[in-house]
Amino acid sequence: MSITPSPGEHWVYRKNDRAASQEVEVLAITTDGRKQRCDIRFVEDSRTETV
Protein backbone atom coordinates (compact mmCIF):
# COMPACT_ATOMS: atom_id res chain seq x y z
CA MET A 1 0.00 0.00 0.00
CA SER A 2 1.43 3.37 -0.95
CA ILE A 3 1.45 6.11 1.63
CA THR A 4 0.28 9.46 0.33
CA PRO A 5 -0.29 12.57 2.47
CA SER A 6 -3.90 13.61 2.79
CA PRO A 7 -4.82 17.19 1.81
CA GLY A 8 -3.63 19.59 4.48
CA GLU A 9 -1.11 17.16 5.97
CA HIS A 10 2.66 17.54 6.01
CA TRP A 11 4.89 14.48 6.13
CA VAL A 12 8.34 14.59 7.71
CA TYR A 13 10.55 11.62 6.95
CA ARG A 14 13.27 10.93 9.49
CA LYS A 15 15.76 8.16 8.87
CA ASN A 16 16.05 5.60 11.65
CA ASP A 17 19.43 4.65 13.14
CA ARG A 18 18.72 1.03 12.34
CA ALA A 19 19.91 1.27 8.76
CA ALA A 20 19.81 -2.49 8.33
CA SER A 21 16.03 -2.51 8.50
CA GLN A 22 15.71 0.72 6.49
CA GLU A 23 12.92 1.96 8.72
CA VAL A 24 11.87 5.58 8.78
CA GLU A 25 9.57 7.46 11.09
CA VAL A 26 6.77 9.49 9.58
CA LEU A 27 5.28 12.44 11.40
CA ALA A 28 2.02 13.68 9.95
CA ILE A 29 0.98 17.14 11.11
CA THR A 30 -2.67 17.83 10.47
CA THR A 31 -4.24 21.22 9.85
CA ASP A 32 -5.41 21.58 13.47
CA GLY A 33 -1.92 20.98 14.81
CA ARG A 34 -2.34 17.38 15.95
CA LYS A 35 0.57 15.07 15.33
CA GLN A 36 0.24 11.45 14.29
CA ARG A 37 3.29 9.20 14.27
CA CYS A 38 3.54 5.99 12.27
CA ASP A 39 6.36 3.77 11.13
CA ILE A 40 6.80 2.70 7.53
CA ARG A 41 9.20 0.27 5.91
CA PHE A 42 10.65 0.58 2.42
CA VAL A 43 10.23 -2.66 0.51
CA GLU A 44 12.56 -3.89 -2.23
CA ASP A 45 10.43 -2.50 -5.06
CA SER A 46 10.79 1.00 -3.50
CA ARG A 47 7.15 1.24 -2.49
CA THR A 48 6.27 1.83 1.14
CA GLU A 49 4.11 -0.32 3.37
CA THR A 50 2.65 0.28 6.80
CA VAL A 51 4.23 -1.72 9.58
PDB file of N, CA and C in Angstrom:
ATOM      1  N   MET A   1       0.842  -1.190   0.000  1.00  0.00           N
ATOM      2  CA  MET A   1       0.000   0.000   0.000  1.00  0.00           C
ATOM      3  C   MET A   1       0.882   1.248   0.000  1.00  0.00           C
ATOM      4  N   SER A   2       0.654   2.139  -0.906  1.00  0.00           N
ATOM      5  CA  SER A   2       1.429   3.367  -0.950  1.00  0.00           C
ATOM      6  C   SER A   2       0.922   4.331   0.108  1.00  0.00           C
ATOM      7  N   ILE A   3       1.837   5.119   0.628  1.00  0.00           N
ATOM      8  CA  ILE A   3       1.452   6.112   1.628  1.00  0.00           C
ATOM      9  C   ILE A   3       1.504   7.482   0.975  1.00  0.00           C
ATOM     10  N   THR A   4       0.365   8.142   0.939  1.00  0.00           N
ATOM     11  CA  THR A   4       0.278   9.460   0.330  1.00  0.00           C
ATOM     12  C   THR A   4      -0.323  10.427   1.342  1.00  0.00           C
ATOM     13  N   PRO A   5       0.269  11.605   1.524  1.00  0.00           N
ATOM     14  CA  PRO A   5      -0.294  12.571   2.468  1.00  0.00           C
ATOM     15  C   PRO A   5      -1.697  12.992   2.063  1.00  0.00           C
ATOM     16  N   SER A   6      -2.568  13.092   3.051  1.00  0.00           N
ATOM     17  CA  SER A   6      -3.904  13.607   2.787  1.00  0.00           C
ATOM     18  C   SER A   6      -3.827  15.123   2.612  1.00  0.00           C
ATOM     19  N   PRO A   7      -4.818  15.730   1.974  1.00  0.00           N
ATOM     20  CA  PRO A   7      -4.817  17.188   1.807  1.00  0.00           C
ATOM     21  C   PRO A   7      -4.705  17.887   3.160  1.00  0.00           C
ATOM     22  N   GLY A   8      -3.799  18.845   3.242  1.00  0.00           N
ATOM     23  CA  GLY A   8      -3.632  19.586   4.485  1.00  0.00           C
ATOM     24  C   GLY A   8      -2.638  18.959   5.441  1.00  0.00           C
ATOM     25  N   GLU A   9      -2.068  17.815   5.091  1.00  0.00           N
ATOM     26  CA  GLU A   9      -1.110  17.164   5.970  1.00  0.00           C
ATOM     27  C   GLU A   9       0.305  17.358   5.443  1.00  0.00           C
ATOM     28  N   HIS A  10       1.253  17.406   6.369  1.00  0.00           N
ATOM     29  CA  HIS A  10       2.656  17.539   6.006  1.00  0.00           C
ATOM     30  C   HIS A  10       3.403  16.346   6.564  1.00  0.00           C
ATOM     31  N   TRP A  11       4.176  15.674   5.705  1.00  0.00           N
ATOM     32  CA  TRP A  11       4.895  14.480   6.132  1.00  0.00           C
ATOM     33  C   TRP A  11       6.368  14.806   6.305  1.00  0.00           C
ATOM     34  N   VAL A  12       6.918  14.397   7.443  1.00  0.00           N
ATOM     35  CA  VAL A  12       8.339  14.590   7.705  1.00  0.00           C
ATOM     36  C   VAL A  12       8.975  13.215   7.838  1.00  0.00           C
ATOM     37  N   TYR A  13       9.887  12.924   6.915  1.00  0.00           N
ATOM     38  CA  TYR A  13      10.548  11.624   6.946  1.00  0.00           C
ATOM     39  C   TYR A  13      11.871  11.759   7.697  1.00  0.00           C
ATOM     40  N   ARG A  14      12.062  10.886   8.681  1.00  0.00           N
ATOM     41  CA  ARG A  14      13.271  10.935   9.490  1.00  0.00           C
ATOM     42  C   ARG A  14      13.900   9.543   9.491  1.00  0.00           C
ATOM     43  N   LYS A  15      15.137   9.464   9.019  1.00  0.00           N
ATOM     44  CA  LYS A  15      15.764   8.158   8.867  1.00  0.00           C
ATOM     45  C   LYS A  15      16.103   7.567  10.232  1.00  0.00           C
ATOM     46  N   ASN A  16      15.803   6.282  10.382  1.00  0.00           N
ATOM     47  CA  ASN A  16      16.051   5.603  11.649  1.00  0.00           C
ATOM     48  C   ASN A  16      17.510   5.173  11.726  1.00  0.00           C
ATOM     49  N   ASP A  17      18.043   5.075  12.958  1.00  0.00           N
ATOM     50  CA  ASP A  17      19.431   4.652  13.144  1.00  0.00           C
ATOM     51  C   ASP A  17      19.649   3.207  12.718  1.00  0.00           C
ATOM     52  N   ARG A  18      18.598   2.428  12.747  1.00  0.00           N
ATOM     53  CA  ARG A  18      18.718   1.031  12.341  1.00  0.00           C
ATOM     54  C   ARG A  18      18.697   0.940  10.818  1.00  0.00           C
ATOM     55  N   ALA A  19      19.845   1.215  10.223  1.00  0.00           N
ATOM     56  CA  ALA A  19      19.913   1.271   8.760  1.00  0.00           C
ATOM     57  C   ALA A  19      19.674  -0.093   8.135  1.00  0.00           C
ATOM     58  N   ALA A  20      19.964  -1.140   8.875  1.00  0.00           N
ATOM     59  CA  ALA A  20      19.812  -2.490   8.327  1.00  0.00           C
ATOM     60  C   ALA A  20      18.358  -2.776   7.963  1.00  0.00           C
ATOM     61  N   SER A  21      17.434  -2.257   8.766  1.00  0.00           N
ATOM     62  CA  SER A  21      16.027  -2.506   8.503  1.00  0.00           C
ATOM     63  C   SER A  21      15.418  -1.437   7.593  1.00  0.00           C
ATOM     64  N   GLN A  22      16.167  -0.373   7.351  1.00  0.00           N
ATOM     65  CA  GLN A  22      15.714   0.720   6.491  1.00  0.00           C
ATOM     66  C   GLN A  22      14.357   1.267   6.927  1.00  0.00           C
ATOM     67  N   GLU A  23      14.174   1.408   8.231  1.00  0.00           N
ATOM     68  CA  GLU A  23      12.920   1.959   8.724  1.00  0.00           C
ATOM     69  C   GLU A  23      13.028   3.475   8.826  1.00  0.00           C
ATOM     70  N   VAL A  24      11.926   4.144   8.595  1.00  0.00           N
ATOM     71  CA  VAL A  24      11.869   5.579   8.785  1.00  0.00           C
ATOM     72  C   VAL A  24      10.646   5.914   9.618  1.00  0.00           C
ATOM     73  N   GLU A  25      10.712   7.020  10.304  1.00  0.00           N
ATOM     74  CA  GLU A  25       9.569   7.457  11.092  1.00  0.00           C
ATOM     75  C   GLU A  25       8.870   8.577  10.344  1.00  0.00           C
ATOM     76  N   VAL A  26       7.568   8.488  10.291  1.00  0.00           N
ATOM     77  CA  VAL A  26       6.773   9.487   9.581  1.00  0.00           C
ATOM     78  C   VAL A  26       5.950  10.270  10.592  1.00  0.00           C
ATOM     79  N   LEU A  27       6.056  11.580  10.514  1.00  0.00           N
ATOM     80  CA  LEU A  27       5.277  12.437  11.397  1.00  0.00           C
ATOM     81  C   LEU A  27       4.310  13.247  10.544  1.00  0.00           C
ATOM     82  N   ALA A  28       3.040  12.970  10.714  1.00  0.00           N
ATOM     83  CA  ALA A  28       2.019  13.682   9.954  1.00  0.00           C
ATOM     84  C   ALA A  28       1.426  14.772  10.826  1.00  0.00           C
ATOM     85  N   ILE A  29       1.519  16.016  10.365  1.00  0.00           N
ATOM     86  CA  ILE A  29       0.976  17.145  11.113  1.00  0.00           C
ATOM     87  C   ILE A  29      -0.290  17.611  10.402  1.00  0.00           C
ATOM     88  N   THR A  30      -1.396  17.483  11.088  1.00  0.00           N
ATOM     89  CA  THR A  30      -2.668  17.833  10.468  1.00  0.00           C
ATOM     90  C   THR A  30      -2.917  19.337  10.563  1.00  0.00           C
ATOM     91  N   THR A  31      -3.973  19.788   9.936  1.00  0.00           N
ATOM     92  CA  THR A  31      -4.239  21.218   9.852  1.00  0.00           C
ATOM     93  C   THR A  31      -4.544  21.825  11.221  1.00  0.00           C
ATOM     94  N   ASP A  32      -5.084  21.025  12.153  1.00  0.00           N
ATOM     95  CA  ASP A  32      -5.415  21.582  13.467  1.00  0.00           C
ATOM     96  C   ASP A  32      -4.268  21.408  14.462  1.00  0.00           C
ATOM     97  N   GLY A  33      -3.089  21.015  13.951  1.00  0.00           N
ATOM     98  CA  GLY A  33      -1.917  20.978  14.810  1.00  0.00           C
ATOM     99  C   GLY A  33      -1.659  19.649  15.488  1.00  0.00           C
ATOM    100  N   ARG A  34      -2.574  18.693  15.333  1.00  0.00           N
ATOM    101  CA  ARG A  34      -2.340  17.383  15.948  1.00  0.00           C
ATOM    102  C   ARG A  34      -1.236  16.640  15.210  1.00  0.00           C
ATOM    103  N   LYS A  35      -0.509  15.824  15.945  1.00  0.00           N
ATOM    104  CA  LYS A  35       0.571  15.072  15.329  1.00  0.00           C
ATOM    105  C   LYS A  35       0.262  13.583  15.418  1.00  0.00           C
ATOM    106  N   GLN A  36       0.479  12.882  14.317  1.00  0.00           N
ATOM    107  CA  GLN A  36       0.240  11.447  14.287  1.00  0.00           C
ATOM    108  C   GLN A  36       1.518  10.770  13.808  1.00  0.00           C
ATOM    109  N   ARG A  37       2.031   9.852  14.620  1.00  0.00           N
ATOM    110  CA  ARG A  37       3.288   9.201  14.270  1.00  0.00           C
ATOM    111  C   ARG A  37       3.022   7.769  13.820  1.00  0.00           C
ATOM    112  N   CYS A  38       3.658   7.364  12.732  1.00  0.00           N
ATOM    113  CA  CYS A  38       3.536   5.994  12.267  1.00  0.00           C
ATOM    114  C   CYS A  38       4.859   5.573  11.642  1.00  0.00           C
ATOM    115  N   ASP A  39       5.128   4.295  11.690  1.00  0.00           N
ATOM    116  CA  ASP A  39       6.364   3.767  11.128  1.00  0.00           C
ATOM    117  C   ASP A  39       6.069   3.123   9.788  1.00  0.00           C
ATOM    118  N   ILE A  40       6.941   3.356   8.816  1.00  0.00           N
ATOM    119  CA  ILE A  40       6.798   2.696   7.528  1.00  0.00           C
ATOM    120  C   ILE A  40       8.101   1.990   7.189  1.00  0.00           C
ATOM    121  N   ARG A  41       8.010   1.021   6.323  1.00  0.00           N
ATOM    122  CA  ARG A  41       9.196   0.272   5.905  1.00  0.00           C
ATOM    123  C   ARG A  41       9.280   0.295   4.375  1.00  0.00           C
ATOM    124  N   PHE A  42      10.463   0.598   3.857  1.00  0.00           N
ATOM    125  CA  PHE A  42      10.650   0.577   2.418  1.00  0.00           C
ATOM    126  C   PHE A  42      10.891  -0.851   1.962  1.00  0.00           C
ATOM    127  N   VAL A  43      10.083  -1.306   1.025  1.00  0.00           N
ATOM    128  CA  VAL A  43      10.234  -2.662   0.514  1.00  0.00           C
ATOM    129  C   VAL A  43      11.145  -2.634  -0.713  1.00  0.00           C
ATOM    130  N   GLU A  44      11.544  -3.804  -1.188  1.00  0.00           N
ATOM    131  CA  GLU A  44      12.556  -3.887  -2.231  1.00  0.00           C
ATOM    132  C   GLU A  44      12.151  -3.188  -3.529  1.00  0.00           C
ATOM    133  N   ASP A  45      10.858  -3.146  -3.827  1.00  0.00           N
ATOM    134  CA  ASP A  45      10.433  -2.499  -5.064  1.00  0.00           C
ATOM    135  C   ASP A  45      10.244  -0.992  -4.901  1.00  0.00           C
ATOM    136  N   SER A  46      10.753  -0.442  -3.791  1.00  0.00           N
ATOM    137  CA  SER A  46      10.786   0.996  -3.505  1.00  0.00           C
ATOM    138  C   SER A  46       9.438   1.574  -3.085  1.00  0.00           C
ATOM    139  N   ARG A  47       8.413   0.756  -3.047  1.00  0.00           N
ATOM    140  CA  ARG A  47       7.149   1.236  -2.494  1.00  0.00           C
ATOM    141  C   ARG A  47       7.226   1.191  -0.975  1.00  0.00           C
ATOM    142  N   THR A  48       6.284   1.843  -0.313  1.00  0.00           N
ATOM    143  CA  THR A  48       6.267   1.828   1.138  1.00  0.00           C
ATOM    144  C   THR A  48       5.055   1.053   1.629  1.00  0.00           C
ATOM    145  N   GLU A  49       5.213   0.400   2.770  1.00  0.00           N
ATOM    146  CA  GLU A  49       4.106  -0.324   3.372  1.00  0.00           C
ATOM    147  C   GLU A  49       4.020   0.037   4.843  1.00  0.00           C
ATOM    148  N   THR A  50       2.809   0.017   5.386  1.00  0.00           N
ATOM    149  CA  THR A  50       2.651   0.278   6.804  1.00  0.00           C
ATOM    150  C   THR A  50       3.144  -0.924   7.595  1.00  0.00           C
ATOM    151  N   VAL A  51       3.718  -0.641   8.735  1.00  0.00           N
ATOM    152  CA  VAL A  51       4.231  -1.718   9.584  1.00  0.00           C
ATOM    153  C   VAL A  51       3.199  -2.047  10.640  1.00  0.00           C
TER     154      VAL A  51
END
